[in-house]
């Protein structure tokens, strides 16, 4: 298994602030950090088991979801999506 320093990996490729309700697709995120309470209406991930369970619930500010995310849609809130 390949070992990586996630903090370094995230910082070298940047992040995006997501605050609208348009679908964000074709991305490569390694973590979603909730800045303001958020609700996801869609998420596509190859590594988060049962990712659909995250939909339509309020994720409180401070929550960090780790895993490969290639698409996400917010219903509300603000999320910082960390690229990898």
N, C-alpha and C. Protein backbone atom coordinates (compact mmCIF):
# COMPACT_ATOMS: atom_id res chain seq x y z
N UNK A 1 0.84 -1.17 0.00
CA UNK A 1 0.00 0.00 0.00
C UNK A 1 0.90 1.24 0.00
N UNK A 2 0.59 2.17 -0.84
CA UNK A 2 1.36 3.40 -0.96
C UNK A 2 1.00 4.35 0.19
N UNK A 3 2.01 4.89 0.84
CA UNK A 3 1.81 5.81 1.94
C UNK A 3 1.95 7.24 1.43
N UNK A 4 1.05 8.13 1.87
CA UNK A 4 1.09 9.52 1.44
C UNK A 4 0.83 10.43 2.63
N UNK A 5 1.41 11.60 2.57
CA UNK A 5 1.14 12.62 3.57
C UNK A 5 -0.04 13.43 3.05
N UNK A 6 -1.25 13.16 3.57
CA UNK A 6 -2.45 13.81 3.03
C UNK A 6 -2.42 15.32 3.17
N UNK A 7 -1.93 15.84 4.26
CA UNK A 7 -1.90 17.30 4.43
C UNK A 7 -1.05 17.93 3.35
N UNK A 8 0.10 17.37 3.07
CA UNK A 8 0.97 17.88 2.03
C UNK A 8 0.32 17.70 0.67
N UNK A 9 -0.24 16.54 0.43
CA UNK A 9 -0.87 16.25 -0.87
C UNK A 9 -2.00 17.23 -1.14
N UNK A 10 -2.87 17.50 -0.17
CA UNK A 10 -3.97 18.43 -0.37
C UNK A 10 -3.46 19.84 -0.63
N UNK A 11 -2.44 20.25 0.12
CA UNK A 11 -1.98 21.63 0.02
C UNK A 11 -1.30 21.93 -1.30
N UNK A 12 -0.74 20.94 -1.95
CA UNK A 12 0.00 21.20 -3.18
C UNK A 12 -0.89 21.35 -4.40
N UNK A 13 -2.10 20.85 -4.36
CA UNK A 13 -2.98 20.93 -5.54
C UNK A 13 -4.18 21.84 -5.33
N UNK A 14 -4.38 22.33 -4.13
CA UNK A 14 -5.40 23.34 -3.89
C UNK A 14 -6.75 22.81 -3.47
N UNK A 15 -7.64 23.76 -3.32
CA UNK A 15 -9.00 23.48 -2.85
C UNK A 15 -9.96 24.39 -3.59
N UNK A 16 -11.23 24.04 -3.55
CA UNK A 16 -12.28 24.85 -4.14
C UNK A 16 -13.38 25.06 -3.10
N UNK A 17 -13.89 26.28 -3.01
CA UNK A 17 -15.02 26.56 -2.13
C UNK A 17 -16.30 26.33 -2.94
N UNK A 18 -17.15 25.45 -2.45
CA UNK A 18 -18.42 25.14 -3.10
C UNK A 18 -19.54 25.74 -2.27
N UNK A 19 -20.36 26.58 -2.90
CA UNK A 19 -21.47 27.19 -2.17
C UNK A 19 -22.76 27.25 -2.97
N UNK A 20 -22.70 26.93 -4.23
CA UNK A 20 -23.91 26.94 -5.06
C UNK A 20 -24.57 25.58 -5.10
N UNK A 21 -25.68 25.51 -5.82
CA UNK A 21 -26.42 24.25 -5.89
C UNK A 21 -26.28 23.57 -7.25
N UNK A 22 -25.38 24.07 -8.10
CA UNK A 22 -25.12 23.41 -9.38
C UNK A 22 -24.23 22.18 -9.14
N UNK A 23 -24.43 21.15 -9.95
CA UNK A 23 -23.60 19.95 -9.85
C UNK A 23 -22.16 20.29 -10.21
N UNK A 24 -21.23 19.76 -9.42
CA UNK A 24 -19.79 19.90 -9.69
C UNK A 24 -19.32 18.50 -10.07
N UNK A 25 -18.90 18.33 -11.32
CA UNK A 25 -18.56 16.99 -11.82
C UNK A 25 -17.17 16.98 -12.45
N UNK A 26 -16.66 15.78 -12.67
CA UNK A 26 -15.38 15.61 -13.31
C UNK A 26 -14.21 16.09 -12.47
N UNK A 27 -14.34 16.02 -11.18
CA UNK A 27 -13.31 16.51 -10.25
C UNK A 27 -12.58 15.35 -9.60
N UNK A 28 -11.56 15.70 -8.81
CA UNK A 28 -10.80 14.70 -8.06
C UNK A 28 -10.53 15.29 -6.68
N UNK A 29 -11.47 15.09 -5.78
CA UNK A 29 -11.35 15.58 -4.41
C UNK A 29 -10.99 14.43 -3.48
N UNK A 30 -10.21 14.74 -2.46
CA UNK A 30 -9.83 13.74 -1.46
C UNK A 30 -10.50 13.96 -0.12
N UNK A 31 -11.10 15.15 0.04
CA UNK A 31 -11.80 15.45 1.29
C UNK A 31 -12.78 16.59 1.05
N UNK A 32 -13.90 16.53 1.74
CA UNK A 32 -14.89 17.60 1.75
C UNK A 32 -14.97 18.12 3.18
N UNK A 33 -14.70 19.40 3.35
CA UNK A 33 -14.71 20.02 4.68
C UNK A 33 -15.89 20.98 4.75
N UNK A 34 -16.80 20.73 5.67
CA UNK A 34 -18.00 21.54 5.80
C UNK A 34 -17.66 22.80 6.60
N UNK A 35 -17.88 23.98 5.98
CA UNK A 35 -17.58 25.25 6.62
C UNK A 35 -18.82 25.83 7.29
N UNK A 36 -19.93 25.82 6.58
CA UNK A 36 -21.25 26.17 7.14
C UNK A 36 -22.12 24.94 7.00
N UNK A 37 -22.97 24.67 7.98
CA UNK A 37 -23.83 23.48 7.89
C UNK A 37 -24.26 23.27 6.45
N UNK A 38 -24.16 22.02 5.98
CA UNK A 38 -24.42 21.75 4.57
C UNK A 38 -25.29 20.51 4.41
N UNK A 39 -26.02 20.49 3.30
CA UNK A 39 -26.81 19.33 2.90
C UNK A 39 -26.39 18.97 1.49
N UNK A 40 -26.02 17.71 1.27
CA UNK A 40 -25.66 17.23 -0.05
C UNK A 40 -26.89 16.65 -0.72
N UNK A 41 -27.07 16.97 -2.00
CA UNK A 41 -28.17 16.35 -2.74
C UNK A 41 -27.67 15.26 -3.67
N UNK A 42 -26.34 15.23 -3.92
CA UNK A 42 -25.75 14.16 -4.73
C UNK A 42 -24.26 14.07 -4.42
N UNK A 43 -23.73 12.85 -4.50
CA UNK A 43 -22.29 12.63 -4.33
C UNK A 43 -21.91 11.37 -5.10
N UNK A 44 -20.77 11.43 -5.78
CA UNK A 44 -20.24 10.27 -6.50
C UNK A 44 -18.87 9.97 -5.93
N UNK A 45 -18.71 8.75 -5.42
CA UNK A 45 -17.45 8.35 -4.83
C UNK A 45 -17.20 6.87 -5.08
N UNK A 46 -15.95 6.57 -5.42
CA UNK A 46 -15.57 5.18 -5.60
C UNK A 46 -15.02 4.55 -4.33
N UNK A 47 -14.82 5.36 -3.28
CA UNK A 47 -14.19 4.83 -2.07
C UNK A 47 -14.98 5.04 -0.79
N UNK A 48 -16.07 5.78 -0.85
CA UNK A 48 -16.88 6.00 0.35
C UNK A 48 -18.04 4.99 0.32
N UNK A 49 -18.00 4.03 1.22
CA UNK A 49 -19.04 3.02 1.29
C UNK A 49 -20.34 3.67 1.75
N UNK A 50 -21.43 3.35 1.07
CA UNK A 50 -22.76 3.88 1.40
C UNK A 50 -22.81 5.40 1.38
N UNK A 51 -22.14 6.01 0.39
CA UNK A 51 -22.10 7.48 0.28
C UNK A 51 -23.51 8.07 0.19
N UNK A 52 -24.45 7.33 -0.34
CA UNK A 52 -25.83 7.83 -0.46
C UNK A 52 -26.44 8.13 0.92
N UNK A 53 -25.91 7.52 1.97
CA UNK A 53 -26.41 7.79 3.32
C UNK A 53 -26.10 9.22 3.77
N UNK A 54 -25.20 9.89 3.05
CA UNK A 54 -24.85 11.28 3.38
C UNK A 54 -25.81 12.30 2.78
N UNK A 55 -26.70 11.83 1.92
CA UNK A 55 -27.61 12.74 1.22
C UNK A 55 -28.79 13.14 2.09
N UNK A 56 -29.19 14.40 1.92
CA UNK A 56 -30.40 14.94 2.54
C UNK A 56 -30.36 14.99 4.07
N UNK A 57 -29.18 14.91 4.65
CA UNK A 57 -29.04 15.11 6.09
C UNK A 57 -28.18 16.37 6.28
N UNK A 58 -28.32 17.02 7.42
CA UNK A 58 -27.51 18.19 7.69
C UNK A 58 -26.15 17.75 8.24
N UNK A 59 -25.10 18.12 7.51
CA UNK A 59 -23.73 17.88 7.96
C UNK A 59 -23.27 19.13 8.69
N UNK A 60 -22.97 19.05 9.97
CA UNK A 60 -22.62 20.25 10.73
C UNK A 60 -21.26 20.81 10.33
N UNK A 61 -21.12 22.12 10.49
CA UNK A 61 -19.84 22.77 10.25
C UNK A 61 -18.75 22.06 11.03
N UNK A 62 -17.61 21.87 10.42
CA UNK A 62 -16.50 21.17 11.05
C UNK A 62 -16.37 19.73 10.61
N UNK A 63 -17.39 19.20 9.98
CA UNK A 63 -17.34 17.82 9.50
C UNK A 63 -16.36 17.72 8.33
N UNK A 64 -15.55 16.67 8.32
CA UNK A 64 -14.66 16.40 7.19
C UNK A 64 -14.95 14.99 6.71
N UNK A 65 -15.21 14.86 5.43
CA UNK A 65 -15.48 13.55 4.82
C UNK A 65 -14.28 13.23 3.94
N UNK A 66 -13.59 12.13 4.26
CA UNK A 66 -12.42 11.73 3.50
C UNK A 66 -12.80 10.63 2.52
N UNK A 67 -12.22 10.67 1.34
CA UNK A 67 -12.45 9.66 0.33
C UNK A 67 -12.46 10.30 -1.04
N UNK A 68 -12.31 9.49 -2.05
CA UNK A 68 -12.32 9.98 -3.43
C UNK A 68 -13.72 10.44 -3.80
N UNK A 69 -13.85 11.69 -4.21
CA UNK A 69 -15.13 12.24 -4.65
C UNK A 69 -14.93 12.83 -6.03
N UNK A 70 -15.70 12.37 -7.00
CA UNK A 70 -15.57 12.88 -8.37
C UNK A 70 -16.69 13.83 -8.75
N UNK A 71 -17.77 13.84 -7.98
CA UNK A 71 -18.88 14.76 -8.24
C UNK A 71 -19.66 14.99 -6.96
N UNK A 72 -20.15 16.22 -6.81
CA UNK A 72 -20.93 16.55 -5.61
C UNK A 72 -21.89 17.68 -5.95
N UNK A 73 -23.05 17.64 -5.35
CA UNK A 73 -24.04 18.71 -5.49
C UNK A 73 -24.53 19.08 -4.11
N UNK A 74 -24.50 20.37 -3.81
CA UNK A 74 -25.01 20.86 -2.54
C UNK A 74 -26.46 21.29 -2.68
N UNK A 75 -27.25 21.02 -1.66
CA UNK A 75 -28.59 21.59 -1.58
C UNK A 75 -28.52 22.90 -0.80
N UNK A 76 -27.56 22.98 0.13
CA UNK A 76 -27.34 24.20 0.92
C UNK A 76 -25.99 24.11 1.61
N UNK A 77 -25.52 25.26 2.11
CA UNK A 77 -24.30 25.30 2.89
C UNK A 77 -23.07 25.66 2.08
N UNK A 78 -21.92 25.55 2.75
CA UNK A 78 -20.63 25.85 2.14
C UNK A 78 -19.66 24.72 2.49
N UNK A 79 -18.97 24.22 1.47
CA UNK A 79 -18.03 23.12 1.63
C UNK A 79 -16.73 23.51 0.93
N UNK A 80 -15.59 23.21 1.55
CA UNK A 80 -14.31 23.35 0.89
C UNK A 80 -13.93 21.95 0.40
N UNK A 81 -13.77 21.82 -0.91
CA UNK A 81 -13.41 20.55 -1.52
C UNK A 81 -11.91 20.56 -1.78
N UNK A 82 -11.19 19.65 -1.11
CA UNK A 82 -9.74 19.58 -1.22
C UNK A 82 -9.34 18.61 -2.33
N UNK A 83 -8.60 19.13 -3.30
CA UNK A 83 -8.15 18.30 -4.43
C UNK A 83 -6.98 17.41 -4.01
N UNK A 84 -6.78 16.36 -4.77
CA UNK A 84 -5.59 15.52 -4.56
C UNK A 84 -5.06 15.03 -5.87
